[in-house]
Amino acid sequence: MKALGLRRDCVLMCEPGRALVAEAMSLVVQVQLRKGDRLYINDGIYGSLSEMVTDQPAPARPRRPPRRVRPRPSWCPSSSFGPTCDSVDVLPGNFDLPSDVAEGDWIEIDRLGAYSNSNATRFNGFYPETLVLVDDEPVPV
């Protein structure tokens, strides 16, 4: 505390937020529309992705059922737009995703941490109530 120039009786308090719980939350969104490299998804800045306005893009990966024959697609940056039709509902930065991501595909956005659902709004009639908890702990038999 001396190095910080704080008195001994000073209480040091901090709010670590995402640093402690970044990996505690992932969000799975569905691609509603694709136009070139633009993906229109069913969640956005007014929903669970509000932190992305000021933060770096979180890692994302497709979550699709396996197909029997799937050529290995190239990966490319994709810009993403939320469902509200508001000009602010655009995620900054890009997600690197397979070039064949299509309407109906699911994308897992990882490491959303403490502020994903807590900042969600009901803007334009979109309700963020669907929450599925997944426990990674093995179930005893």
C-alpha atoms as a PDB file:
ATOM      1  CA  MET A   1       0.000   0.000   0.000  1.00  0.00           C
ATOM      2  CA  LYS A   2       2.966   2.255   0.607  1.00  0.00           C
ATOM      3  CA  ALA A   3       3.944   2.023  -3.069  1.00  0.00           C
ATOM      4  CA  LEU A   4       0.485   3.256  -4.029  1.00  0.00           C
ATOM      5  CA  GLY A   5       0.721   6.201  -1.671  1.00  0.00           C
ATOM      6  CA  LEU A   6      -2.171   4.942   0.469  1.00  0.00           C
ATOM      7  CA  ARG A   7      -2.456   5.342   4.189  1.00  0.00           C
ATOM      8  CA  ARG A   8      -2.436   2.213   6.302  1.00  0.00           C
ATOM      9  CA  ASP A   9      -6.032   2.783   7.462  1.00  0.00           C
ATOM     10  CA  CYS A  10      -7.283   3.149   3.881  1.00  0.00           C
ATOM     11  CA  VAL A  11      -9.493   0.291   2.665  1.00  0.00           C
ATOM     12  CA  LEU A  12      -8.666  -0.771  -0.872  1.00  0.00           C
ATOM     13  CA  MET A  13     -11.778  -1.909  -2.727  1.00  0.00           C
ATOM     14  CA  CYS A  14     -12.170  -2.917  -6.359  1.00  0.00           C
ATOM     15  CA  GLU A  15     -14.760  -4.450  -8.638  1.00  0.00           C
ATOM     16  CA  PRO A  16     -13.067  -7.085 -10.799  1.00  0.00           C
ATOM     17  CA  GLY A  17     -16.186  -8.010 -12.821  1.00  0.00           C
ATOM     18  CA  ARG A  18     -15.247  -9.812 -16.000  1.00  0.00           C
ATOM     19  CA  ALA A  19     -11.712 -10.601 -14.852  1.00  0.00           C
ATOM     20  CA  LEU A  20     -13.034 -13.155 -12.360  1.00  0.00           C
ATOM     21  CA  VAL A  21     -16.035 -14.567 -14.201  1.00  0.00           C
ATOM     22  CA  ALA A  22     -15.364 -14.096 -17.910  1.00  0.00           C
ATOM     23  CA  GLU A  23     -15.590 -17.807 -18.612  1.00  0.00           C
ATOM     24  CA  ALA A  24     -18.762 -18.273 -16.566  1.00  0.00           C
ATOM     25  CA  MET A  25     -21.122 -17.287 -19.378  1.00  0.00           C
ATOM     26  CA  SER A  26     -21.498 -18.107 -23.048  1.00  0.00           C
ATOM     27  CA  LEU A  27     -24.329 -16.952 -25.264  1.00  0.00           C
ATOM     28  CA  VAL A  28     -25.783 -18.988 -28.100  1.00  0.00           C
ATOM     29  CA  VAL A  29     -27.398 -16.910 -30.838  1.00  0.00           C
ATOM     30  CA  GLN A  30     -29.070 -17.913 -34.078  1.00  0.00           C
ATOM     31  CA  VAL A  31     -28.352 -16.427 -37.481  1.00  0.00           C
ATOM     32  CA  GLN A  32     -31.641 -15.001 -38.739  1.00  0.00           C
ATOM     33  CA  LEU A  33     -30.318 -13.625 -42.041  1.00  0.00           C
ATOM     34  CA  ARG A  34     -27.048 -13.548 -43.945  1.00  0.00           C
ATOM     35  CA  LYS A  35     -26.130 -10.932 -46.556  1.00  0.00           C
ATOM     36  CA  GLY A  36     -22.553 -11.368 -47.752  1.00  0.00           C
ATOM     37  CA  ASP A  37     -20.327 -11.060 -44.686  1.00  0.00           C
ATOM     38  CA  ARG A  38     -23.157  -9.528 -42.597  1.00  0.00           C
ATOM     39  CA  LEU A  39     -24.922 -11.738 -40.094  1.00  0.00           C
ATOM     40  CA  TYR A  40     -28.207 -10.691 -38.522  1.00  0.00           C
ATOM     41  CA  ILE A  41     -28.589 -12.527 -35.216  1.00  0.00           C
ATOM     42  CA  ASN A  42     -31.363 -12.866 -32.627  1.00  0.00           C
ATOM     43  CA  ASP A  43     -29.539 -10.979 -29.847  1.00  0.00           C
ATOM     44  CA  GLY A  44     -27.584  -7.766 -29.836  1.00  0.00           C
ATOM     45  CA  ILE A  45     -26.448  -4.604 -28.085  1.00  0.00           C
ATOM     46  CA  TYR A  46     -29.802  -4.105 -26.341  1.00  0.00           C
ATOM     47  CA  GLY A  47     -29.817  -7.727 -25.228  1.00  0.00           C
ATOM     48  CA  SER A  48     -27.000  -9.777 -23.766  1.00  0.00           C
ATOM     49  CA  LEU A  49     -24.244  -8.223 -25.883  1.00  0.00           C
ATOM     50  CA  SER A  50     -24.237  -4.680 -24.463  1.00  0.00           C
ATOM     51  CA  GLU A  51     -20.709  -5.087 -23.077  1.00  0.00           C
ATOM     52  CA  MET A  52     -19.373  -5.552 -26.585  1.00  0.00           C
ATOM     53  CA  VAL A  53     -19.847  -1.842 -27.292  1.00  0.00           C
ATOM     54  CA  THR A  54     -16.808  -1.016 -25.187  1.00  0.00           C
ATOM     55  CA  ASP A  55     -14.984  -4.332 -25.083  1.00  0.00           C
ATOM     56  CA  GLN A  56     -13.066  -6.480 -27.514  1.00  0.00           C
ATOM     57  CA  PRO A  57     -15.133  -8.990 -29.499  1.00  0.00           C
ATOM     58  CA  ALA A  58     -15.513 -12.242 -27.615  1.00  0.00           C
ATOM     59  CA  PRO A  59     -14.443 -15.522 -29.204  1.00  0.00           C
ATOM     60  CA  ALA A  60     -17.198 -17.098 -31.297  1.00  0.00           C
ATOM     61  CA  ARG A  61     -17.651 -20.486 -32.923  1.00  0.00           C
ATOM     62  CA  PRO A  62     -20.425 -22.181 -34.858  1.00  0.00           C
ATOM     63  CA  ARG A  63     -22.587 -24.758 -33.103  1.00  0.00           C
ATOM     64  CA  ARG A  64     -24.126 -26.943 -35.774  1.00  0.00           C
ATOM     65  CA  PRO A  65     -25.151 -30.553 -35.968  1.00  0.00           C
ATOM     66  CA  PRO A  66     -22.576 -32.625 -37.814  1.00  0.00           C
ATOM     67  CA  ARG A  67     -23.333 -33.330 -41.450  1.00  0.00           C
ATOM     68  CA  ARG A  68     -22.204 -36.446 -43.247  1.00  0.00           C
ATOM     69  CA  VAL A  69     -20.287 -34.578 -45.921  1.00  0.00           C
ATOM     70  CA  ARG A  70     -19.143 -31.079 -45.187  1.00  0.00           C
ATOM     71  CA  PRO A  71     -16.340 -29.517 -47.174  1.00  0.00           C
ATOM     72  CA  ARG A  72     -13.880 -27.669 -44.996  1.00  0.00           C
ATOM     73  CA  PRO A  73     -14.923 -24.011 -45.352  1.00  0.00           C
ATOM     74  CA  SER A  74     -12.586 -21.086 -45.203  1.00  0.00           C
ATOM     75  CA  TRP A  75     -12.891 -18.774 -42.225  1.00  0.00           C
ATOM     76  CA  CYS A  76     -13.629 -15.105 -42.716  1.00  0.00           C
ATOM     77  CA  PRO A  77     -14.521 -12.053 -40.618  1.00  0.00           C
ATOM     78  CA  SER A  78     -18.258 -11.490 -40.278  1.00  0.00           C
ATOM     79  CA  SER A  79     -19.961  -8.374 -38.986  1.00  0.00           C
ATOM     80  CA  SER A  80     -23.035  -8.939 -36.807  1.00  0.00           C
ATOM     81  CA  PHE A  81     -26.221  -6.978 -36.331  1.00  0.00           C
ATOM     82  CA  GLY A  82     -28.840  -7.371 -33.605  1.00  0.00           C
ATOM     83  CA  PRO A  83     -32.576  -7.837 -34.126  1.00  0.00           C
ATOM     84  CA  THR A  84     -33.917  -4.399 -33.141  1.00  0.00           C
ATOM     85  CA  CYS A  85     -33.498  -2.456 -36.412  1.00  0.00           C
ATOM     86  CA  ASP A  86     -31.811   0.292 -34.405  1.00  0.00           C
ATOM     87  CA  SER A  87     -28.674   1.786 -35.942  1.00  0.00           C
ATOM     88  CA  VAL A  88     -26.780   1.235 -32.666  1.00  0.00           C
ATOM     89  CA  ASP A  89     -27.533  -2.504 -32.634  1.00  0.00           C
ATOM     90  CA  VAL A  90     -24.311  -3.376 -34.450  1.00  0.00           C
ATOM     91  CA  LEU A  91     -21.533  -5.330 -32.779  1.00  0.00           C
ATOM     92  CA  PRO A  92     -18.174  -3.590 -33.122  1.00  0.00           C
ATOM     93  CA  GLY A  93     -15.452  -5.697 -34.603  1.00  0.00           C
ATOM     94  CA  ASN A  94     -15.928  -8.968 -36.407  1.00  0.00           C
ATOM     95  CA  PHE A  95     -16.292 -12.607 -35.532  1.00  0.00           C
ATOM     96  CA  ASP A  96     -14.071 -15.006 -37.444  1.00  0.00           C
ATOM     97  CA  LEU A  97     -16.495 -17.710 -38.560  1.00  0.00           C
ATOM     98  CA  PRO A  98     -16.685 -20.293 -41.336  1.00  0.00           C
ATOM     99  CA  SER A  99     -17.665 -18.764 -44.658  1.00  0.00           C
ATOM    100  CA  ASP A 100     -20.598 -21.187 -44.918  1.00  0.00           C
ATOM    101  CA  VAL A 101     -22.439 -19.984 -41.772  1.00  0.00           C
ATOM    102  CA  ALA A 102     -26.043 -19.670 -42.907  1.00  0.00           C
ATOM    103  CA  GLU A 103     -29.500 -18.709 -41.717  1.00  0.00           C
ATOM    104  CA  GLY A 104     -30.629 -21.049 -38.964  1.00  0.00           C
ATOM    105  CA  ASP A 105     -27.086 -21.828 -37.784  1.00  0.00           C
ATOM    106  CA  TRP A 106     -26.201 -21.276 -34.147  1.00  0.00           C
ATOM    107  CA  ILE A 107     -23.141 -19.371 -32.921  1.00  0.00           C
ATOM    108  CA  GLU A 108     -21.702 -19.604 -29.431  1.00  0.00           C
ATOM    109  CA  ILE A 109     -20.217 -16.327 -28.211  1.00  0.00           C
ATOM    110  CA  ASP A 110     -17.857 -17.150 -25.396  1.00  0.00           C
ATOM    111  CA  ARG A 111     -16.554 -15.383 -22.275  1.00  0.00           C
ATOM    112  CA  LEU A 112     -19.359 -12.892 -21.704  1.00  0.00           C
ATOM    113  CA  GLY A 113     -18.870 -12.976 -17.954  1.00  0.00           C
ATOM    114  CA  ALA A 114     -20.682 -10.889 -15.390  1.00  0.00           C
ATOM    115  CA  TYR A 115     -22.482  -8.336 -17.503  1.00  0.00           C
ATOM    116  CA  SER A 116     -24.274 -10.197 -20.276  1.00  0.00           C
ATOM    117  CA  ASN A 117     -27.824 -10.777 -19.036  1.00  0.00           C
ATOM    118  CA  SER A 118     -27.653  -8.183 -16.273  1.00  0.00           C
ATOM    119  CA  ASN A 119     -27.553  -5.348 -18.827  1.00  0.00           C
ATOM    120  CA  ALA A 120     -30.205  -6.754 -21.183  1.00  0.00           C
ATOM    121  CA  THR A 121     -33.235  -4.576 -21.903  1.00  0.00           C
ATOM    122  CA  ARG A 122     -36.693  -5.119 -23.409  1.00  0.00           C
ATOM    123  CA  PHE A 123     -36.041  -2.564 -26.141  1.00  0.00           C
ATOM    124  CA  ASN A 124     -38.352  -2.888 -29.168  1.00  0.00           C
ATOM    125  CA  GLY A 125     -40.163  -5.852 -27.608  1.00  0.00           C
ATOM    126  CA  PHE A 126     -37.253  -8.284 -27.451  1.00  0.00           C
ATOM    127  CA  TYR A 127     -37.265 -10.137 -24.138  1.00  0.00           C
ATOM    128  CA  PRO A 128     -34.075 -11.757 -22.787  1.00  0.00           C
ATOM    129  CA  GLU A 129     -35.744 -14.209 -20.391  1.00  0.00           C
ATOM    130  CA  THR A 130     -34.626 -17.507 -21.931  1.00  0.00           C
ATOM    131  CA  LEU A 131     -31.670 -18.721 -19.895  1.00  0.00           C
ATOM    132  CA  VAL A 132     -30.343 -22.262 -19.894  1.00  0.00           C
ATOM    133  CA  LEU A 133     -27.885 -23.290 -17.211  1.00  0.00           C
ATOM    134  CA  VAL A 134     -25.397 -26.014 -18.082  1.00  0.00           C
ATOM    135  CA  ASP A 135     -23.399 -27.622 -15.329  1.00  0.00           C
ATOM    136  CA  ASP A 136     -20.074 -29.040 -16.443  1.00  0.00           C
ATOM    137  CA  GLU A 137     -19.751 -31.127 -13.291  1.00  0.00           C
ATOM    138  CA  PRO A 138     -20.066 -34.879 -13.893  1.00  0.00           C
ATOM    139  CA  VAL A 139     -23.247 -36.405 -12.554  1.00  0.00           C
ATOM    140  CA  PRO A 140     -22.564 -39.250 -10.087  1.00  0.00           C
ATOM    141  CA  VAL A 141     -24.057 -42.630 -11.045  1.00  0.00           C
END
